[in-house]
Structures are given as structure tokens and as C-alpha cells.
Amino acid sequence: MDGDLLAQAASAMAAVDLLVLLPLSAARGIHLSTDEDLDLREEMDAALLALAEDPDLVPESVRTIELGGDGTARLRALEAAL
């Protein structure tokens, strides 16, 4: 990532209280169109999860949670985190 863009993103992340991650999962029931690029989708998921673990981007003050399961389980976990 470009240094200026990283600094801007890190500055913005400093104002975040809670970062919620919703990694890809076949169990989520997300229906994809036939023109969806599944490889690109998986690569983007991996890249975003890696960014969330980057200490230069996401300061320790930002609480991060990863939600899984069906919609009801994710909602319950999010409400519990708030």
C-alpha cells in the first residue's frame, strides 16, 4: 500500500471503536451470480483479513471481532460485542 494512503487509512482507523469482520463462508448462504469471480472474491477476503491484522493500519485500541455462523448467530454476537 502506498505510504500516504496507509497513513490516511491508519488515521481513519484510529477513530474506529469496533471493527467487525465477516469472512467468507459457504455456510452464510450468500447466493452468487454466475458472473461472480470466485477466485477474486476469495483473494479479496484474504487480503482484507490480512489488513485487519496489520498493526501499522489497525491500532491496538480498535477492538476487532470476527463473526461466523448464520445471520441470527452473527447478529447475537454483534449485539453482545456492543
Protein backbone atom coordinates (compact mmCIF):
# COMPACT_ATOMS: atom_id res chain seq x y z
CA MET A 1 0.00 0.00 0.00
CA ASP A 2 1.27 3.50 -0.83
CA GLY A 3 2.74 5.26 2.23
CA ASP A 4 0.40 8.25 2.04
CA LEU A 5 -2.64 6.03 1.64
CA LEU A 6 -1.52 3.85 4.52
CA ALA A 7 -1.11 6.91 6.74
CA GLN A 8 -4.57 8.17 5.79
CA ALA A 9 -6.14 4.76 6.42
CA ALA A 10 -4.32 4.40 9.76
CA SER A 11 -5.50 7.86 10.78
CA ALA A 12 -9.09 6.94 9.95
CA MET A 13 -8.82 3.60 11.77
CA ALA A 14 -7.71 5.42 14.93
CA ALA A 15 -11.28 6.76 15.17
CA VAL A 16 -12.84 3.29 14.94
CA ASP A 17 -14.12 1.65 18.13
CA LEU A 18 -15.15 -1.74 16.76
CA LEU A 19 -14.03 -3.47 13.56
CA VAL A 20 -16.39 -6.28 12.55
CA LEU A 21 -15.05 -8.93 10.19
CA LEU A 22 -17.34 -11.21 8.21
CA PRO A 23 -15.03 -13.68 6.48
CA LEU A 24 -16.31 -15.67 3.54
CA SER A 25 -18.09 -18.87 4.42
CA ALA A 26 -20.21 -21.23 2.37
CA ALA A 27 -22.45 -21.61 5.44
CA ARG A 28 -23.55 -17.97 5.19
CA GLY A 29 -25.96 -18.72 2.37
CA ILE A 30 -24.80 -15.87 0.16
CA HIS A 31 -26.00 -16.58 -3.33
CA LEU A 32 -23.59 -15.50 -6.04
CA SER A 33 -24.44 -14.72 -9.63
CA THR A 34 -22.90 -16.84 -12.36
CA ASP A 35 -20.66 -13.95 -13.42
CA GLU A 36 -19.08 -13.68 -9.95
CA ASP A 37 -15.30 -14.23 -9.93
CA LEU A 38 -14.95 -16.67 -7.03
CA ASP A 39 -11.14 -16.64 -7.07
CA LEU A 40 -11.07 -12.84 -6.88
CA ARG A 41 -13.65 -12.92 -4.08
CA GLU A 42 -11.51 -15.35 -2.05
CA GLU A 43 -8.33 -13.34 -2.68
CA MET A 44 -10.07 -10.13 -1.59
CA ASP A 45 -11.34 -11.85 1.57
CA ALA A 46 -7.80 -12.97 2.44
CA ALA A 47 -6.38 -9.51 1.70
CA LEU A 48 -8.95 -7.74 3.89
CA LEU A 49 -8.41 -10.16 6.77
CA ALA A 50 -4.66 -9.58 6.50
CA LEU A 51 -5.17 -5.80 6.57
CA ALA A 52 -7.26 -6.15 9.73
CA GLU A 53 -4.26 -7.85 11.41
CA ASP A 54 -1.76 -5.18 10.29
CA PRO A 55 -0.62 -3.26 13.41
CA ASP A 56 0.51 -0.35 11.21
CA LEU A 57 -3.07 0.03 10.00
CA VAL A 58 -5.28 -1.08 12.89
CA PRO A 59 -4.13 0.25 16.26
CA GLU A 60 -4.41 -1.86 19.43
CA SER A 61 -7.17 0.47 20.63
CA VAL A 62 -9.51 -0.89 17.94
CA ARG A 63 -11.44 -3.91 19.15
CA THR A 64 -11.81 -6.45 16.36
CA ILE A 65 -14.32 -9.27 16.25
CA GLU A 66 -14.86 -11.94 13.62
CA LEU A 67 -18.43 -13.13 13.18
CA GLY A 68 -19.44 -16.52 11.84
CA GLY A 69 -22.48 -18.72 11.62
CA ASP A 70 -25.88 -17.88 10.25
CA GLY A 71 -27.42 -14.42 10.31
CA THR A 72 -29.04 -14.92 13.69
CA ALA A 73 -25.79 -16.06 15.30
CA ARG A 74 -23.86 -13.17 13.76
CA LEU A 75 -26.45 -10.66 15.00
CA ARG A 76 -26.36 -12.09 18.52
CA ALA A 77 -22.56 -11.94 18.59
CA LEU A 78 -22.56 -8.37 17.30
CA GLU A 79 -25.15 -7.26 19.86
CA ALA A 80 -23.10 -8.92 22.61
CA ALA A 81 -19.99 -7.07 21.43
CA LEU A 82 -21.77 -3.71 21.62
